Amino acid sequence: MDAAARLSRELVRAGLDRGSAILALGGGVIGDLAGFVAATLFRGIAFVNVPTTLLAQVDSSVGGKTGVNLPEGKNLVGTFYQPALVLCDPAPLATLSDRDYRSGLAEVAKYGLTLDVELLEGLERDPSAVLTRDPAVLEPLVARCVAAKARTVSADETDTGQRLILNYGHTLGHALERLEAFEGRTHGEAIAIGMVFAARLAEARGLAAAGLVSRTVRLLTSLGLEADAELPPVRDVLSAFRMDKKYHGGVRFVLLEDVGRPVVVDGVPEGQMRAVLHEMGATG
């Protein structure tokens, strides 16, 4: 919020008016922040999103969600505000650190597990071209993920129904980010652990057949992501769950009946969440 206020004041002093536009050049945080400022400055000016990270290109730059974090939770202040243009150029992806690149692969994995089984099967057969950042592979990969998200968002722009499935792995993921004051795991690293938790929870509830967890772990590991990592105490995680912006009279999860078959589940008993967190090594 402090950054949004500072930027807004600087833009006004620089002479912007309602006919101006903001260009966001960077990763997901830059796009979310620039979009939020564009949505609120002068009650809305145009903005163009030019994402330069894999995570932003395949996910956060598309769909019109803008927002900033509070200490209490991620993206708790924001708007739905569509950019005038999103331009995804795979060339900058060659400049990313390995960690930032792998972070983006977590969102690619999410699309494979939830919406695009052909994408999933391709990653499972041979992830090597993706891992080496082959430009001939990256451009269609980004386009495929963008198309999957665009189809979902166009059916539910304001996140009240079908779009919720894009939050697969994000309930625990956002909790981990918040508990680490947004200075620990990257978004993708947190979402990877969140998808393992969701798979374990789906199996524990009998929603998914045995094998979903092992398939998820194999996929994430093959993409260079940790599927088994230290977790905060259970009581802290449960408290963070209740601060999630998708909290709806209870903790809401996106779970899989099988790959490509996501469902939104409300009212998961606390005991079940505790049991899965304990299975994953959390204490308390």
C-alpha atoms as a PDB file:
ATOM      1  CA  MET A   1       0.000   0.000   0.000  1.00  0.00           C
ATOM      2  CA  ASP A   2       2.864   2.382   0.762  1.00  0.00           C
ATOM      3  CA  ALA A   3       4.384   1.704  -2.665  1.00  0.00           C
ATOM      4  CA  ALA A   4       1.025   2.277  -4.387  1.00  0.00           C
ATOM      5  CA  ALA A   5       0.560   5.599  -2.616  1.00  0.00           C
ATOM      6  CA  ARG A   6       4.113   6.709  -3.405  1.00  0.00           C
ATOM      7  CA  LEU A   7       3.780   5.790  -7.079  1.00  0.00           C
ATOM      8  CA  SER A   8       0.423   7.541  -7.375  1.00  0.00           C
ATOM      9  CA  ARG A   9       1.862  10.762  -5.964  1.00  0.00           C
ATOM     10  CA  GLU A  10       4.929  10.595  -8.223  1.00  0.00           C
ATOM     11  CA  LEU A  11       2.771  10.025 -11.315  1.00  0.00           C
ATOM     12  CA  VAL A  12       0.545  12.993 -10.476  1.00  0.00           C
ATOM     13  CA  ARG A  13       3.608  15.197  -9.945  1.00  0.00           C
ATOM     14  CA  ALA A  14       4.989  13.954 -13.269  1.00  0.00           C
ATOM     15  CA  GLY A  15       1.928  15.337 -15.039  1.00  0.00           C
ATOM     16  CA  LEU A  16      -0.150  12.241 -15.835  1.00  0.00           C
ATOM     17  CA  ASP A  17      -3.848  12.783 -16.474  1.00  0.00           C
ATOM     18  CA  ARG A  18      -6.858  10.639 -17.365  1.00  0.00           C
ATOM     19  CA  GLY A  19      -5.602  10.242 -20.919  1.00  0.00           C
ATOM     20  CA  SER A  20      -2.273   8.782 -19.814  1.00  0.00           C
ATOM     21  CA  ALA A  21      -1.270   5.133 -19.613  1.00  0.00           C
ATOM     22  CA  ILE A  22       1.034   3.091 -17.412  1.00  0.00           C
ATOM     23  CA  LEU A  23       3.339   0.403 -18.808  1.00  0.00           C
ATOM     24  CA  ALA A  24       4.272  -2.417 -16.427  1.00  0.00           C
ATOM     25  CA  LEU A  25       7.631  -3.979 -17.311  1.00  0.00           C
ATOM     26  CA  GLY A  26       8.655  -6.753 -14.932  1.00  0.00           C
ATOM     27  CA  GLY A  27       7.357  -9.709 -12.982  1.00  0.00           C
ATOM     28  CA  GLY A  28       4.083 -10.408 -11.240  1.00  0.00           C
ATOM     29  CA  VAL A  29       4.526  -7.952  -8.379  1.00  0.00           C
ATOM     30  CA  ILE A  30       5.250  -5.124 -10.818  1.00  0.00           C
ATOM     31  CA  GLY A  31       2.205  -6.013 -12.929  1.00  0.00           C
ATOM     32  CA  ASP A  32      -0.091  -6.268  -9.903  1.00  0.00           C
ATOM     33  CA  LEU A  33       1.150  -2.988  -8.457  1.00  0.00           C
ATOM     34  CA  ALA A  34       1.056  -1.072 -11.744  1.00  0.00           C
ATOM     35  CA  GLY A  35      -2.402  -2.421 -12.519  1.00  0.00           C
ATOM     36  CA  PHE A  36      -3.701  -1.424  -9.090  1.00  0.00           C
ATOM     37  CA  VAL A  37      -2.320   2.107  -9.473  1.00  0.00           C
ATOM     38  CA  ALA A  38      -3.767   2.365 -13.000  1.00  0.00           C
ATOM     39  CA  ALA A  39      -7.157   1.148 -11.776  1.00  0.00           C
ATOM     40  CA  THR A  40      -7.348   3.700  -8.969  1.00  0.00           C
ATOM     41  CA  LEU A  41      -5.466   6.776 -10.229  1.00  0.00           C
ATOM     42  CA  PHE A  42      -8.011   9.291 -11.576  1.00  0.00           C
ATOM     43  CA  ARG A  43     -10.553   6.448 -11.132  1.00  0.00           C
ATOM     44  CA  GLY A  44      -8.853   4.478 -13.867  1.00  0.00           C
ATOM     45  CA  ILE A  45      -6.326   5.013 -16.647  1.00  0.00           C
ATOM     46  CA  ALA A  46      -5.081   2.557 -19.258  1.00  0.00           C
ATOM     47  CA  PHE A  47      -2.212   0.202 -18.600  1.00  0.00           C
ATOM     48  CA  VAL A  48      -0.145  -2.185 -20.689  1.00  0.00           C
ATOM     49  CA  ASN A  49       1.404  -5.275 -19.138  1.00  0.00           C
ATOM     50  CA  VAL A  50       4.761  -6.501 -20.483  1.00  0.00           C
ATOM     51  CA  PRO A  51       5.659  -9.429 -18.194  1.00  0.00           C
ATOM     52  CA  THR A  52       9.314 -10.482 -18.156  1.00  0.00           C
ATOM     53  CA  THR A  53       9.165 -13.591 -15.917  1.00  0.00           C
ATOM     54  CA  LEU A  54       7.758 -16.991 -16.780  1.00  0.00           C
ATOM     55  CA  LEU A  55       5.323 -16.883 -13.878  1.00  0.00           C
ATOM     56  CA  ALA A  56       3.947 -13.514 -14.941  1.00  0.00           C
ATOM     57  CA  GLN A  57       3.724 -14.508 -18.601  1.00  0.00           C
ATOM     58  CA  VAL A  58       1.807 -17.739 -18.035  1.00  0.00           C
ATOM     59  CA  ASP A  59      -0.372 -16.531 -15.180  1.00  0.00           C
ATOM     60  CA  SER A  60      -0.442 -13.233 -13.316  1.00  0.00           C
ATOM     61  CA  SER A  61      -0.365 -10.846 -16.296  1.00  0.00           C
ATOM     62  CA  VAL A  62      -3.562 -12.317 -17.746  1.00  0.00           C
ATOM     63  CA  GLY A  63      -7.009 -11.998 -16.227  1.00  0.00           C
ATOM     64  CA  GLY A  64      -7.205  -8.484 -14.822  1.00  0.00           C
ATOM     65  CA  LYS A  65      -6.457  -9.153 -11.157  1.00  0.00           C
ATOM     66  CA  THR A  66      -4.488  -6.337  -9.565  1.00  0.00           C
ATOM     67  CA  GLY A  67      -3.526  -5.984  -5.944  1.00  0.00           C
ATOM     68  CA  VAL A  68      -1.091  -5.318  -3.164  1.00  0.00           C
ATOM     69  CA  ASN A  69      -0.260  -7.295  -0.054  1.00  0.00           C
ATOM     70  CA  LEU A  70      -1.027  -6.479   3.559  1.00  0.00           C
ATOM     71  CA  PRO A  71       0.894  -7.961   6.492  1.00  0.00           C
ATOM     72  CA  GLU A  72      -2.287  -9.921   7.181  1.00  0.00           C
ATOM     73  CA  GLY A  73      -2.380 -11.624   3.780  1.00  0.00           C
ATOM     74  CA  LYS A  74      -1.563 -11.651   0.095  1.00  0.00           C
ATOM     75  CA  ASN A  75      -3.353  -9.409  -2.412  1.00  0.00           C
ATOM     76  CA  LEU A  76      -6.014  -8.458   0.117  1.00  0.00           C
ATOM     77  CA  VAL A  77      -6.399  -4.984  -1.448  1.00  0.00           C
ATOM     78  CA  GLY A  78      -7.027  -4.945  -5.166  1.00  0.00           C
ATOM     79  CA  THR A  79      -9.342  -4.640  -8.129  1.00  0.00           C
ATOM     80  CA  PHE A  80     -10.447  -6.448 -11.252  1.00  0.00           C
ATOM     81  CA  TYR A  81      -9.077  -4.193 -13.983  1.00  0.00           C
ATOM     82  CA  GLN A  82      -8.170  -5.445 -17.440  1.00  0.00           C
ATOM     83  CA  PRO A  83      -5.036  -4.212 -19.217  1.00  0.00           C
ATOM     84  CA  ALA A  84      -5.356  -2.692 -22.661  1.00  0.00           C
ATOM     85  CA  LEU A  85      -2.670  -5.078 -23.899  1.00  0.00           C
ATOM     86  CA  VAL A  86      -0.514  -7.920 -22.611  1.00  0.00           C
ATOM     87  CA  LEU A  87       2.704  -8.553 -24.546  1.00  0.00           C
ATOM     88  CA  CYS A  88       4.588 -11.758 -23.727  1.00  0.00           C
ATOM     89  CA  ASP A  89       8.036 -11.993 -25.299  1.00  0.00           C
ATOM     90  CA  PRO A  90       9.962 -15.187 -24.396  1.00  0.00           C
ATOM     91  CA  ALA A  91      13.369 -13.526 -24.956  1.00  0.00           C
ATOM     92  CA  PRO A  92      13.671 -12.080 -21.406  1.00  0.00           C
ATOM     93  CA  LEU A  93      13.127 -15.556 -19.942  1.00  0.00           C
ATOM     94  CA  ALA A  94      16.718 -16.397 -20.893  1.00  0.00           C
ATOM     95  CA  THR A  95      17.904 -13.796 -18.355  1.00  0.00           C
ATOM     96  CA  LEU A  96      16.028 -15.212 -15.333  1.00  0.00           C
ATOM     97  CA  SER A  97      17.834 -16.892 -12.480  1.00  0.00           C
ATOM     98  CA  ASP A  98      17.263 -20.637 -12.263  1.00  0.00           C
ATOM     99  CA  ARG A  99      15.205 -20.113  -9.130  1.00  0.00           C
ATOM    100  CA  ASP A 100      12.890 -17.540 -10.719  1.00  0.00           C
ATOM    101  CA  TYR A 101      12.490 -19.669 -13.824  1.00  0.00           C
ATOM    102  CA  ARG A 102      11.603 -22.780 -11.811  1.00  0.00           C
ATOM    103  CA  SER A 103       9.135 -20.683  -9.832  1.00  0.00           C
ATOM    104  CA  GLY A 104       7.251 -20.013 -13.062  1.00  0.00           C
ATOM    105  CA  LEU A 105       7.237 -23.718 -13.885  1.00  0.00           C
ATOM    106  CA  ALA A 106       5.065 -24.296 -10.807  1.00  0.00           C
ATOM    107  CA  GLU A 107       2.248 -22.349 -12.469  1.00  0.00           C
ATOM    108  CA  VAL A 108       2.835 -24.260 -15.716  1.00  0.00           C
ATOM    109  CA  ALA A 109       2.448 -27.474 -13.717  1.00  0.00           C
ATOM    110  CA  LYS A 110      -0.775 -26.098 -12.249  1.00  0.00           C
ATOM    111  CA  TYR A 111      -2.289 -25.689 -15.698  1.00  0.00           C
ATOM    112  CA  GLY A 112      -1.268 -29.204 -16.632  1.00  0.00           C
ATOM    113  CA  LEU A 113      -2.782 -30.716 -13.498  1.00  0.00           C
ATOM    114  CA  THR A 114      -6.029 -28.746 -13.620  1.00  0.00           C
ATOM    115  CA  LEU A 115      -6.917 -27.723 -17.177  1.00  0.00           C
ATOM    116  CA  ASP A 116      -4.640 -29.212 -19.825  1.00  0.00           C
ATOM    117  CA  VAL A 117      -3.870 -32.903 -19.485  1.00  0.00           C
ATOM    118  CA  GLU A 118      -2.046 -32.927 -22.836  1.00  0.00           C
ATOM    119  CA  LEU A 119       0.325 -30.298 -21.468  1.00  0.00           C
ATOM    120  CA  LEU A 120       0.788 -32.412 -18.341  1.00  0.00           C
ATOM    121  CA  GLU A 121       1.568 -35.533 -20.324  1.00  0.00           C
ATOM    122  CA  GLY A 122       4.089 -33.638 -22.464  1.00  0.00           C
ATOM    123  CA  LEU A 123       5.890 -32.390 -19.361  1.00  0.00           C
ATOM    124  CA  GLU A 124       5.903 -35.888 -17.916  1.00  0.00           C
ATOM    125  CA  ARG A 125       7.316 -37.444 -21.087  1.00  0.00           C
ATOM    126  CA  ASP A 126      10.245 -35.078 -21.454  1.00  0.00           C
ATOM    127  CA  PRO A 127      10.692 -31.779 -19.595  1.00  0.00           C
ATOM    128  CA  SER A 128      14.222 -31.250 -20.913  1.00  0.00           C
ATOM    129  CA  ALA A 129      13.376 -28.686 -23.621  1.00  0.00           C
ATOM    130  CA  VAL A 130      11.399 -26.656 -21.101  1.00  0.00           C
ATOM    131  CA  LEU A 131      14.178 -26.851 -18.534  1.00  0.00           C
ATOM    132  CA  THR A 132      16.798 -25.681 -21.051  1.00  0.00           C
ATOM    133  CA  ARG A 133      14.529 -22.753 -22.025  1.00  0.00           C
ATOM    134  CA  ASP A 134      14.394 -23.701 -25.701  1.00  0.00           C
ATOM    135  CA  PRO A 135      12.738 -20.636 -27.348  1.00  0.00           C
ATOM    136  CA  ALA A 136      10.962 -22.879 -29.856  1.00  0.00           C
ATOM    137  CA  VAL A 137       9.276 -24.620 -26.924  1.00  0.00           C
ATOM    138  CA  LEU A 138       8.720 -21.622 -24.658  1.00  0.00           C
ATOM    139  CA  GLU A 139       6.613 -19.548 -27.050  1.00  0.00           C
ATOM    140  CA  PRO A 140       3.929 -22.234 -27.599  1.00  0.00           C
ATOM    141  CA  LEU A 141       4.123 -23.187 -23.904  1.00  0.00           C
ATOM    142  CA  VAL A 142       3.376 -19.623 -22.795  1.00  0.00           C
ATOM    143  CA  ALA A 143       0.650 -19.284 -25.428  1.00  0.00           C
ATOM    144  CA  ARG A 144      -0.964 -22.548 -24.304  1.00  0.00           C
ATOM    145  CA  CYS A 145      -1.072 -21.483 -20.657  1.00  0.00           C
ATOM    146  CA  VAL A 146      -2.395 -18.017 -21.562  1.00  0.00           C
ATOM    147  CA  ALA A 147      -5.147 -19.583 -23.690  1.00  0.00           C
ATOM    148  CA  ALA A 148      -6.180 -21.880 -20.831  1.00  0.00           C
ATOM    149  CA  LYS A 149      -6.364 -18.987 -18.398  1.00  0.00           C
ATOM    150  CA  ALA A 150      -8.147 -16.695 -20.860  1.00  0.00           C
ATOM    151  CA  ARG A 151     -10.847 -19.299 -21.481  1.00  0.00           C
ATOM    152  CA  THR A 152     -11.405 -19.685 -17.757  1.00  0.00           C
ATOM    153  CA  VAL A 153     -11.395 -15.965 -16.985  1.00  0.00           C
ATOM    154  CA  SER A 154     -13.750 -15.125 -19.842  1.00  0.00           C
ATOM    155  CA  ALA A 155     -16.334 -17.409 -18.261  1.00  0.00           C
ATOM    156  CA  ASP A 156     -15.918 -15.915 -14.771  1.00  0.00           C
ATOM    157  CA  GLU A 157     -14.066 -12.610 -14.729  1.00  0.00           C
ATOM    158  CA  THR A 158     -14.698 -11.743 -11.081  1.00  0.00           C
ATOM    159  CA  ASP A 159     -13.704 -15.042  -9.484  1.00  0.00           C
ATOM    160  CA  THR A 160     -17.071 -16.262  -8.229  1.00  0.00           C
ATOM    161  CA  GLY A 161     -17.259 -19.644  -9.952  1.00  0.00           C
ATOM    162  CA  GLN A 162     -15.150 -21.404 -12.546  1.00  0.00           C
ATOM    163  CA  ARG A 163     -12.173 -19.077 -12.182  1.00  0.00           C
ATOM    164  CA  LEU A 164     -11.639 -20.329  -8.636  1.00  0.00           C
ATOM    165  CA  ILE A 165      -9.999 -23.462 -10.043  1.00  0.00           C
ATOM    166  CA  LEU A 166      -7.014 -21.314 -11.014  1.00  0.00           C
ATOM    167  CA  ASN A 167      -6.283 -21.128  -7.278  1.00  0.00           C
ATOM    168  CA  TYR A 168      -5.171 -24.751  -7.167  1.00  0.00           C
ATOM    169  CA  GLY A 169      -2.395 -25.007  -4.595  1.00  0.00           C
ATOM    170  CA  HIS A 170      -2.791 -21.367  -3.634  1.00  0.00           C
ATOM    171  CA  THR A 171      -4.572 -21.718  -0.278  1.00  0.00           C
ATOM    172  CA  LEU A 172      -1.545 -23.210   1.454  1.00  0.00           C
ATOM    173  CA  GLY A 173       0.813 -21.387  -0.924  1.00  0.00           C
ATOM    174  CA  HIS A 174      -0.464 -17.942   0.023  1.00  0.00           C
ATOM    175  CA  ALA A 175      -0.451 -18.919   3.707  1.00  0.00           C
ATOM    176  CA  LEU A 176       3.236 -19.841   3.477  1.00  0.00           C
ATOM    177  CA  GLU A 177       4.091 -16.590   1.705  1.00  0.00           C
ATOM    178  CA  ARG A 178       2.288 -14.541   4.312  1.00  0.00           C
ATOM    179  CA  LEU A 179       3.835 -16.425   7.257  1.00  0.00           C
ATOM    180  CA  GLU A 180       7.271 -15.750   5.771  1.00  0.00           C
ATOM    181  CA  ALA A 181       6.406 -12.033   5.379  1.00  0.00           C
ATOM    182  CA  PHE A 182       6.730 -12.415   1.576  1.00  0.00           C
ATOM    183  CA  GLU A 183      10.508 -12.741   1.992  1.00  0.00           C
ATOM    184  CA  GLY A 184      10.931 -16.525   2.101  1.00  0.00           C
ATOM    185  CA  ARG A 185       9.751 -18.896  -0.578  1.00  0.00           C
ATOM    186  CA  THR A 186       8.957 -17.535  -4.016  1.00  0.00           C
ATOM    187  CA  HIS A 187       5.344 -17.667  -5.130  1.00  0.00           C
ATOM    188  CA  GLY A 188       6.002 -20.701  -7.302  1.00  0.00           C
ATOM    189  CA  GLU A 189       7.897 -22.548  -4.572  1.00  0.00           C
ATOM    190  CA  ALA A 190       4.991 -21.961  -2.186  1.00  0.00           C
ATOM    191  CA  ILE A 191       2.402 -23.030  -4.769  1.00  0.00           C
ATOM    192  CA  ALA A 192       4.326 -26.248  -5.458  1.00  0.00           C
ATOM    193  CA  ILE A 193       4.043 -27.222  -1.784  1.00  0.00           C
ATOM    194  CA  GLY A 194       0.403 -26.121  -1.878  1.00  0.00           C
ATOM    195  CA  MET A 195      -0.325 -28.489  -4.770  1.00  0.00           C
ATOM    196  CA  VAL A 196       1.238 -31.406  -2.882  1.00  0.00           C
ATOM    197  CA  PHE A 197      -0.933 -30.520   0.121  1.00  0.00           C
ATOM    198  CA  ALA A 198      -4.032 -30.336  -2.100  1.00  0.00           C
ATOM    199  CA  ALA A 199      -3.250 -33.734  -3.638  1.00  0.00           C
ATOM    200  CA  ARG A 200      -2.759 -35.262  -0.190  1.00  0.00           C
ATOM    201  CA  LEU A 201      -6.010 -33.719   1.021  1.00  0.00           C
ATOM    202  CA  ALA A 202      -7.904 -35.024  -2.032  1.00  0.00           C
ATOM    203  CA  GLU A 203      -6.614 -38.549  -1.403  1.00  0.00           C
ATOM    204  CA  ALA A 204      -7.338 -38.298   2.341  1.00  0.00           C
ATOM    205  CA  ARG A 205     -10.953 -37.320   1.623  1.00  0.00           C
ATOM    206  CA  GLY A 206     -11.378 -40.138  -0.888  1.00  0.00           C
ATOM    207  CA  LEU A 207     -12.015 -37.570  -3.600  1.00  0.00           C
ATOM    208  CA  ALA A 208      -9.032 -38.677  -5.672  1.00  0.00           C
ATOM    209  CA  ALA A 209      -7.722 -42.180  -6.108  1.00  0.00           C
ATOM    210  CA  ALA A 210      -4.338 -43.150  -4.710  1.00  0.00           C
ATOM    211  CA  GLY A 211      -1.558 -42.084  -7.027  1.00  0.00           C
ATOM    212  CA  LEU A 212      -2.349 -38.381  -7.379  1.00  0.00           C
ATOM    213  CA  VAL A 213       0.206 -37.434  -4.722  1.00  0.00           C
ATOM    214  CA  SER A 214       2.996 -39.494  -6.243  1.00  0.00           C
ATOM    215  CA  ARG A 215       2.221 -38.171  -9.734  1.00  0.00           C
ATOM    216  CA  THR A 216       2.256 -34.588  -8.464  1.00  0.00           C
ATOM    217  CA  VAL A 217       5.537 -35.097  -6.624  1.00  0.00           C
ATOM    218  CA  ARG A 218       7.176 -36.696  -9.677  1.00  0.00           C
ATOM    219  CA  LEU A 219       6.095 -33.815 -11.904  1.00  0.00           C
ATOM    220  CA  LEU A 220       7.280 -31.074  -9.573  1.00  0.00           C
ATOM    221  CA  THR A 221      10.578 -32.823  -8.861  1.00  0.00           C
ATOM    222  CA  SER A 222      11.231 -33.273 -12.586  1.00  0.00           C
ATOM    223  CA  LEU A 223      10.797 -29.504 -13.009  1.00  0.00           C
ATOM    224  CA  GLY A 224      13.343 -28.744 -10.284  1.00  0.00           C
ATOM    225  CA  LEU A 225      10.817 -27.784  -7.623  1.00  0.00           C
ATOM    226  CA  GLU A 226      10.806 -28.984  -4.020  1.00  0.00           C
ATOM    227  CA  ALA A 227       7.824 -31.159  -3.222  1.00  0.00           C
ATOM    228  CA  ASP A 228       8.829 -31.730   0.400  1.00  0.00           C
ATOM    229  CA  ALA A 229       9.803 -28.703   2.441  1.00  0.00           C
ATOM    230  CA  GLU A 230       9.711 -27.498   6.027  1.00  0.00           C
ATOM    231  CA  LEU A 231       6.342 -26.108   7.097  1.00  0.00           C
ATOM    232  CA  PRO A 232       5.425 -23.609   9.827  1.00  0.00           C
ATOM    233  CA  PRO A 233       3.554 -24.860  12.910  1.00  0.00           C
ATOM    234  CA  VAL A 234       0.060 -26.166  12.197  1.00  0.00           C
ATOM    235  CA  ARG A 235      -1.665 -23.517  14.327  1.00  0.00           C
ATOM    236  CA  ASP A 236       0.024 -20.750  12.333  1.00  0.00           C
ATOM    237  CA  VAL A 237      -0.969 -22.293   9.005  1.00  0.00           C
ATOM    238  CA  LEU A 238      -4.597 -22.705  10.095  1.00  0.00           C
ATOM    239  CA  SER A 239      -4.697 -19.092  11.268  1.00  0.00           C
ATOM    240  CA  ALA A 240      -3.288 -17.947   7.921  1.00  0.00           C
ATOM    241  CA  PHE A 241      -5.916 -19.995   6.080  1.00  0.00           C
ATOM    242  CA  ARG A 242      -8.621 -17.928   7.766  1.00  0.00           C
ATOM    243  CA  MET A 243      -7.035 -14.696   6.485  1.00  0.00           C
ATOM    244  CA  ASP A 244      -7.152 -15.854   2.856  1.00  0.00           C
ATOM    245  CA  LYS A 245      -9.245 -13.595   0.617  1.00  0.00           C
ATOM    246  CA  LYS A 246     -11.136 -16.685  -0.642  1.00  0.00           C
ATOM    247  CA  TYR A 247     -12.252 -17.584   2.911  1.00  0.00           C
ATOM    248  CA  HIS A 248     -15.999 -18.117   2.675  1.00  0.00           C
ATOM    249  CA  GLY A 249     -17.362 -18.938   6.108  1.00  0.00           C
ATOM    250  CA  GLY A 250     -14.728 -21.669   6.170  1.00  0.00           C
ATOM    251  CA  VAL A 251     -11.540 -22.628   4.416  1.00  0.00           C
ATOM    252  CA  ARG A 252     -12.042 -23.176   0.680  1.00  0.00           C
ATOM    253  CA  PHE A 253      -9.816 -25.466  -1.352  1.00  0.00           C
ATOM    254  CA  VAL A 254      -9.512 -26.382  -4.992  1.00  0.00           C
ATOM    255  CA  LEU A 255      -8.979 -30.158  -5.147  1.00  0.00           C
ATOM    256  CA  LEU A 256      -8.667 -32.683  -7.944  1.00  0.00           C
ATOM    257  CA  GLU A 257     -10.911 -35.676  -8.497  1.00  0.00           C
ATOM    258  CA  ASP A 258      -8.242 -36.595 -11.050  1.00  0.00           C
ATOM    259  CA  VAL A 259      -5.885 -34.642 -13.285  1.00  0.00           C
ATOM    260  CA  GLY A 260      -7.970 -32.310 -15.426  1.00  0.00           C
ATOM    261  CA  ARG A 261     -10.958 -32.566 -13.061  1.00  0.00           C
ATOM    262  CA  PRO A 262     -10.743 -29.767 -10.464  1.00  0.00           C
ATOM    263  CA  VAL A 263     -13.534 -29.031  -7.983  1.00  0.00           C
ATOM    264  CA  VAL A 264     -14.042 -26.344  -5.345  1.00  0.00           C
ATOM    265  CA  VAL A 265     -14.522 -27.782  -1.858  1.00  0.00           C
ATOM    266  CA  ASP A 266     -15.838 -25.822   1.123  1.00  0.00           C
ATOM    267  CA  GLY A 267     -16.013 -26.776   4.757  1.00  0.00           C
ATOM    268  CA  VAL A 268     -13.006 -29.073   5.055  1.00  0.00           C
ATOM    269  CA  PRO A 269     -12.851 -30.158   8.718  1.00  0.00           C
ATOM    270  CA  GLU A 270      -9.986 -28.696  10.700  1.00  0.00           C
ATOM    271  CA  GLY A 271      -8.990 -32.172  11.855  1.00  0.00           C
ATOM    272  CA  GLN A 272      -8.477 -33.259   8.261  1.00  0.00           C
ATOM    273  CA  MET A 273      -6.306 -30.242   7.501  1.00  0.00           C
ATOM    274  CA  ARG A 274      -4.290 -30.869  10.667  1.00  0.00           C
ATOM    275  CA  ALA A 275      -3.760 -34.517   9.774  1.00  0.00           C
ATOM    276  CA  VAL A 276      -2.435 -33.709   6.290  1.00  0.00           C
ATOM    277  CA  LEU A 277      -0.163 -30.951   7.606  1.00  0.00           C
ATOM    278  CA  HIS A 278       1.228 -33.383  10.193  1.00  0.00           C
ATOM    279  CA  GLU A 279       1.822 -35.939   7.414  1.00  0.00           C
ATOM    280  CA  MET A 280       3.875 -33.274   5.648  1.00  0.00           C
ATOM    281  CA  GLY A 281       6.006 -32.702   8.729  1.00  0.00           C
ATOM    282  CA  ALA A 282       4.354 -29.697  10.346  1.00  0.00           C
ATOM    283  CA  THR A 283       4.401 -29.618  14.139  1.00  0.00           C
ATOM    284  CA  GLY A 284       1.975 -28.326  16.723  1.00  0.00           C
END
